[in-house]
Amino acid sequence: MLFFLHSFRSASFILISLPSAMIPTFLLMYLMGFSLNLMTLLTLSLVVGILVDDSISARKHFPSHGNGKDKVTASIEGRAEIGFTALAITLVDVVVFLFLFRWLVV
């Protein structure tokens, strides 16, 4: 990420968000008895892509970019900018994987 973003601060958003999202995911998978198979790996790869994209998109609103916003306002505006897109992508993923899961179970 550092190579592509050219900034340690930008890469740190992703370095923090990935483990904070993946650790609870793997813990929940373990507690619910899910295995780490091709389906879960595919799903996790999609979610990581969405997470990285959202982190990069929201980062441009933060005060370090000289826009004079405080952190709370920058976070809200950054999330509002990508909110509908993130919701749509997530809903499409849920629908596709629910259909595929239903098809595999039957």
Protein backbone atom coordinates (compact mmCIF):
# COMPACT_ATOMS: atom_id res chain seq x y z
CA MET A 1 0.00 0.00 0.00
CA LEU A 2 2.85 2.36 0.78
CA PHE A 3 4.24 1.85 -2.74
CA PHE A 4 0.92 2.72 -4.40
CA LEU A 5 -0.23 5.53 -2.10
CA HIS A 6 3.17 7.25 -1.71
CA SER A 7 2.38 8.26 1.85
CA PHE A 8 2.81 6.48 5.15
CA ARG A 9 -0.19 8.33 6.59
CA SER A 10 -2.43 7.11 3.77
CA ALA A 11 -1.15 3.57 4.07
CA SER A 12 -1.67 3.66 7.84
CA PHE A 13 -5.44 3.99 7.32
CA ILE A 14 -5.40 0.63 5.59
CA LEU A 15 -2.88 -0.88 8.01
CA ILE A 16 -5.30 -0.10 10.84
CA SER A 17 -8.58 -0.91 9.11
CA LEU A 18 -7.61 -4.34 7.72
CA PRO A 19 -6.69 -6.05 11.02
CA SER A 20 -9.56 -4.35 12.85
CA ALA A 21 -11.96 -5.84 10.30
CA MET A 22 -10.33 -9.24 9.75
CA ILE A 23 -9.69 -10.31 13.35
CA PRO A 24 -13.38 -10.10 14.36
CA THR A 25 -14.32 -11.78 11.07
CA PHE A 26 -12.08 -14.79 11.69
CA LEU A 27 -13.19 -14.94 15.31
CA LEU A 28 -16.86 -14.97 14.30
CA MET A 29 -16.18 -17.58 11.62
CA TYR A 30 -14.48 -19.78 14.21
CA LEU A 31 -17.29 -19.35 16.75
CA MET A 32 -19.95 -20.17 14.13
CA GLY A 33 -18.06 -23.20 12.85
CA PHE A 34 -17.32 -21.94 9.33
CA SER A 35 -14.29 -23.34 7.58
CA LEU A 36 -11.77 -21.36 5.55
CA ASN A 37 -12.70 -22.66 2.09
CA LEU A 38 -12.82 -21.21 -1.41
CA MET A 39 -16.16 -19.48 -0.79
CA THR A 40 -15.03 -17.69 2.35
CA LEU A 41 -11.69 -16.73 0.77
CA LEU A 42 -13.48 -15.26 -2.24
CA THR A 43 -15.81 -13.31 0.01
CA LEU A 44 -12.94 -12.04 2.16
CA SER A 45 -11.01 -10.92 -0.93
CA LEU A 46 -14.03 -8.91 -2.11
CA VAL A 47 -14.46 -7.33 1.31
CA VAL A 48 -10.77 -6.43 1.52
CA GLY A 49 -11.04 -4.69 -1.85
CA ILE A 50 -14.08 -2.73 -0.69
CA LEU A 51 -12.38 -1.84 2.59
CA VAL A 52 -9.21 -0.57 0.88
CA ASP A 53 -11.21 1.42 -1.67
CA ASP A 54 -13.35 3.03 1.04
CA SER A 55 -10.30 3.84 3.16
CA ILE A 56 -8.58 5.56 0.25
CA SER A 57 -11.73 7.46 -0.75
CA ALA A 58 -12.49 8.71 2.77
CA ARG A 59 -8.88 9.71 3.47
CA LYS A 60 -8.97 12.77 1.21
CA HIS A 61 -11.34 14.58 3.59
CA PHE A 62 -8.98 14.50 6.57
CA PRO A 63 -7.36 17.69 7.91
CA SER A 64 -3.88 16.71 6.72
CA HIS A 65 -4.96 17.60 3.19
CA GLY A 66 -5.27 21.30 4.08
CA ASN A 67 -9.04 21.56 3.90
CA GLY A 68 -9.48 22.98 7.42
CA LYS A 69 -11.96 20.34 8.62
CA ASP A 70 -11.87 18.75 12.03
CA LYS A 71 -11.60 14.94 12.22
CA VAL A 72 -15.25 14.29 13.04
CA THR A 73 -16.56 16.44 10.18
CA ALA A 74 -14.02 14.94 7.79
CA SER A 75 -15.03 11.40 8.81
CA ILE A 76 -18.73 12.13 8.33
CA GLU A 77 -18.22 13.80 4.95
CA GLY A 78 -15.87 11.05 3.76
CA ARG A 79 -18.35 8.35 4.73
CA ALA A 80 -21.26 10.28 3.19
CA GLU A 81 -19.37 10.51 -0.09
CA ILE A 82 -18.91 6.75 -0.39
CA GLY A 83 -21.88 5.63 1.69
CA PHE A 84 -24.34 4.76 -1.09
CA THR A 85 -21.66 3.07 -3.18
CA ALA A 86 -20.45 0.98 -0.24
CA LEU A 87 -24.03 0.02 0.62
CA ALA A 88 -24.82 -0.96 -2.97
CA ILE A 89 -21.65 -3.05 -3.32
CA THR A 90 -22.33 -4.78 -0.01
CA LEU A 91 -25.95 -5.55 -0.91
CA VAL A 92 -24.92 -6.97 -4.29
CA ASP A 93 -22.34 -9.19 -2.58
CA VAL A 94 -24.92 -10.40 -0.06
CA VAL A 95 -27.48 -11.20 -2.76
CA VAL A 96 -24.94 -13.04 -4.93
CA PHE A 97 -23.51 -15.07 -2.09
CA LEU A 98 -26.93 -15.88 -0.59
CA PHE A 99 -28.08 -17.19 -3.95
CA LEU A 100 -24.88 -19.14 -4.43
CA PHE A 101 -25.00 -20.53 -0.90
CA ARG A 102 -28.65 -21.55 -1.36
CA TRP A 103 -27.75 -23.22 -4.65
CA LEU A 104 -24.88 -25.15 -3.05
CA VAL A 105 -26.97 -26.35 -0.10
CA VAL A 106 -29.91 -27.66 -2.18
